[in-house]
């Protein structure tokens, strides 16, 4: 699956990408499993004004792969090869709410998603659909 969801880089781009990743503390060998980090790198070259409003090093959902716990309909890979992610919305009290889609539940299950949110997204809410 990884090759279907990874942006190819030329040898020169690969060298620059590795240096960039190291400079910001990213570990491509880990993060590329569920995020198209090379795709984000190329996108960032064209969008240098991007900054993470949360200040937590969060990148755009556009490059999340189907195996990412919060793979969403904002990903360029949503709908590709039958993979459908969840959706983000906002609760009345201003919290971000994630409703998982079929791919999230397939790869992570309700319990796995809840554990992920408890550990990595405690400021956000998770809405598991009935029946899971």
Protein backbone atom coordinates (compact mmCIF):
# COMPACT_ATOMS: atom_id res chain seq x y z
CA UNK A 1 0.00 0.00 0.00
CA UNK A 2 2.75 2.51 0.87
CA UNK A 3 3.84 2.93 -2.76
CA UNK A 4 0.30 3.83 -3.86
CA UNK A 5 0.22 6.66 -1.35
CA UNK A 6 3.74 8.10 -1.49
CA UNK A 7 4.87 11.02 -3.62
CA UNK A 8 7.96 10.10 -5.65
CA UNK A 9 11.01 12.34 -5.32
CA UNK A 10 13.96 12.77 -7.66
CA UNK A 11 17.40 11.94 -6.19
CA UNK A 12 18.08 15.66 -5.63
CA UNK A 13 14.67 16.15 -4.01
CA UNK A 14 15.25 13.08 -1.83
CA UNK A 15 18.51 14.55 -0.51
CA UNK A 16 16.84 17.89 0.24
CA UNK A 17 13.83 16.14 1.77
CA UNK A 18 15.99 14.08 4.13
CA UNK A 19 17.84 17.22 5.27
CA UNK A 20 14.54 19.07 5.79
CA UNK A 21 13.01 16.19 7.73
CA UNK A 22 16.04 15.95 9.99
CA UNK A 23 16.06 19.72 10.58
CA UNK A 24 12.50 19.67 11.94
CA UNK A 25 12.85 16.43 13.91
CA UNK A 26 10.82 14.20 11.62
CA UNK A 27 11.67 10.52 11.18
CA UNK A 28 10.68 9.56 7.64
CA UNK A 29 11.11 5.83 8.22
CA UNK A 30 8.41 6.04 10.91
CA UNK A 31 6.10 8.77 9.61
CA UNK A 32 5.89 7.59 6.00
CA UNK A 33 4.00 4.51 7.15
CA UNK A 34 0.78 6.50 7.47
CA UNK A 35 1.60 9.97 6.12
CA UNK A 36 2.90 11.05 2.70
CA UNK A 37 5.70 13.15 4.18
CA UNK A 38 7.46 13.56 0.80
CA UNK A 39 4.17 14.89 -0.61
CA UNK A 40 3.88 17.38 2.24
CA UNK A 41 7.50 18.43 1.68
CA UNK A 42 6.87 19.13 -2.01
CA UNK A 43 3.64 20.94 -1.20
CA UNK A 44 5.43 23.01 1.43
CA UNK A 45 7.97 24.17 -1.17
CA UNK A 46 5.08 25.77 -3.06
CA UNK A 47 3.31 26.95 0.14
CA UNK A 48 6.08 28.25 2.43
CA UNK A 49 3.60 30.46 4.30
CA UNK A 50 2.00 27.37 5.91
CA UNK A 51 2.23 27.24 9.67
CA UNK A 52 0.55 24.98 12.17
CA UNK A 53 -1.94 27.07 14.11
CA UNK A 54 -1.88 24.58 17.00
CA UNK A 55 1.87 24.90 17.45
CA UNK A 56 2.10 21.10 17.84
CA UNK A 57 3.85 20.35 14.57
CA UNK A 58 0.61 19.26 12.94
CA UNK A 59 0.66 18.99 9.16
CA UNK A 60 -2.22 19.24 6.73
CA UNK A 61 -4.65 16.32 6.39
CA UNK A 62 -4.10 16.42 2.63
CA UNK A 63 -1.30 13.83 2.83
CA UNK A 64 -2.71 11.38 5.39
CA UNK A 65 -2.72 7.82 4.12
CA UNK A 66 -5.66 5.42 4.71
CA UNK A 67 -3.77 3.76 7.57
CA UNK A 68 -3.49 7.03 9.54
CA UNK A 69 -5.90 7.03 12.51
CA UNK A 70 -7.41 10.37 11.43
CA UNK A 71 -7.36 9.75 7.67
CA UNK A 72 -10.16 12.00 6.49
CA UNK A 73 -12.13 13.28 3.54
CA UNK A 74 -9.59 16.13 3.45
CA UNK A 75 -6.88 13.71 2.25
CA UNK A 76 -6.01 13.57 -1.43
CA UNK A 77 -6.16 9.78 -1.02
CA UNK A 78 -9.78 9.74 0.22
CA UNK A 79 -11.78 7.60 -2.19
CA UNK A 80 -8.68 6.12 -3.84
CA UNK A 81 -8.67 2.31 -4.09
CA UNK A 82 -11.92 2.15 -2.13
CA UNK A 83 -10.44 3.85 0.96
CA UNK A 84 -12.77 6.31 2.70
CA UNK A 85 -11.78 8.34 5.72
CA UNK A 86 -13.67 10.13 8.40
CA UNK A 87 -14.69 13.74 8.69
CA UNK A 88 -13.85 16.65 10.97
CA UNK A 89 -16.41 19.06 12.36
CA UNK A 90 -16.67 21.40 15.32
CA UNK A 91 -18.76 20.86 18.44
CA UNK A 92 -20.92 23.68 19.85
CA UNK A 93 -18.27 24.29 22.52
CA UNK A 94 -15.59 24.77 19.85
CA UNK A 95 -13.83 21.39 20.08
CA UNK A 96 -12.74 19.53 16.96
CA UNK A 97 -14.81 16.38 16.46
CA UNK A 98 -13.69 13.42 14.34
CA UNK A 99 -16.23 10.94 13.02
CA UNK A 100 -14.32 7.95 11.61
CA UNK A 101 -15.06 6.45 8.23
CA UNK A 102 -14.85 2.86 7.03
CA UNK A 103 -11.06 2.87 6.55
CA UNK A 104 -10.39 4.28 10.04
CA UNK A 105 -12.56 1.61 11.60
CA UNK A 106 -11.13 -1.13 9.38
CA UNK A 107 -7.51 -0.38 10.26
CA UNK A 108 -7.92 0.76 13.86
CA UNK A 109 -11.27 -0.41 15.24
CA UNK A 110 -13.25 1.66 17.73
CA UNK A 111 -10.99 0.73 20.66
CA UNK A 112 -7.79 1.53 18.78
CA UNK A 113 -9.13 4.90 17.67
CA UNK A 114 -10.21 5.76 21.20
CA UNK A 115 -6.76 4.86 22.54
CA UNK A 116 -5.16 7.02 19.83
CA UNK A 117 -7.38 9.98 20.71
CA UNK A 118 -6.77 9.53 24.44
CA UNK A 119 -3.00 9.59 23.87
CA UNK A 120 -2.47 11.96 20.93
CA UNK A 121 -5.66 14.00 20.51
CA UNK A 122 -6.99 14.57 24.06
CA UNK A 123 -8.07 18.10 23.14
CA UNK A 124 -10.34 16.72 20.37
CA UNK A 125 -13.45 14.57 20.45
CA UNK A 126 -14.14 11.23 18.76
CA UNK A 127 -17.63 10.19 17.60
CA UNK A 128 -17.71 6.45 16.97
CA UNK A 129 -20.75 5.54 14.84
CA UNK A 130 -23.37 3.28 16.43
CA UNK A 131 -22.68 -0.42 16.01
CA UNK A 132 -18.92 -0.27 16.66
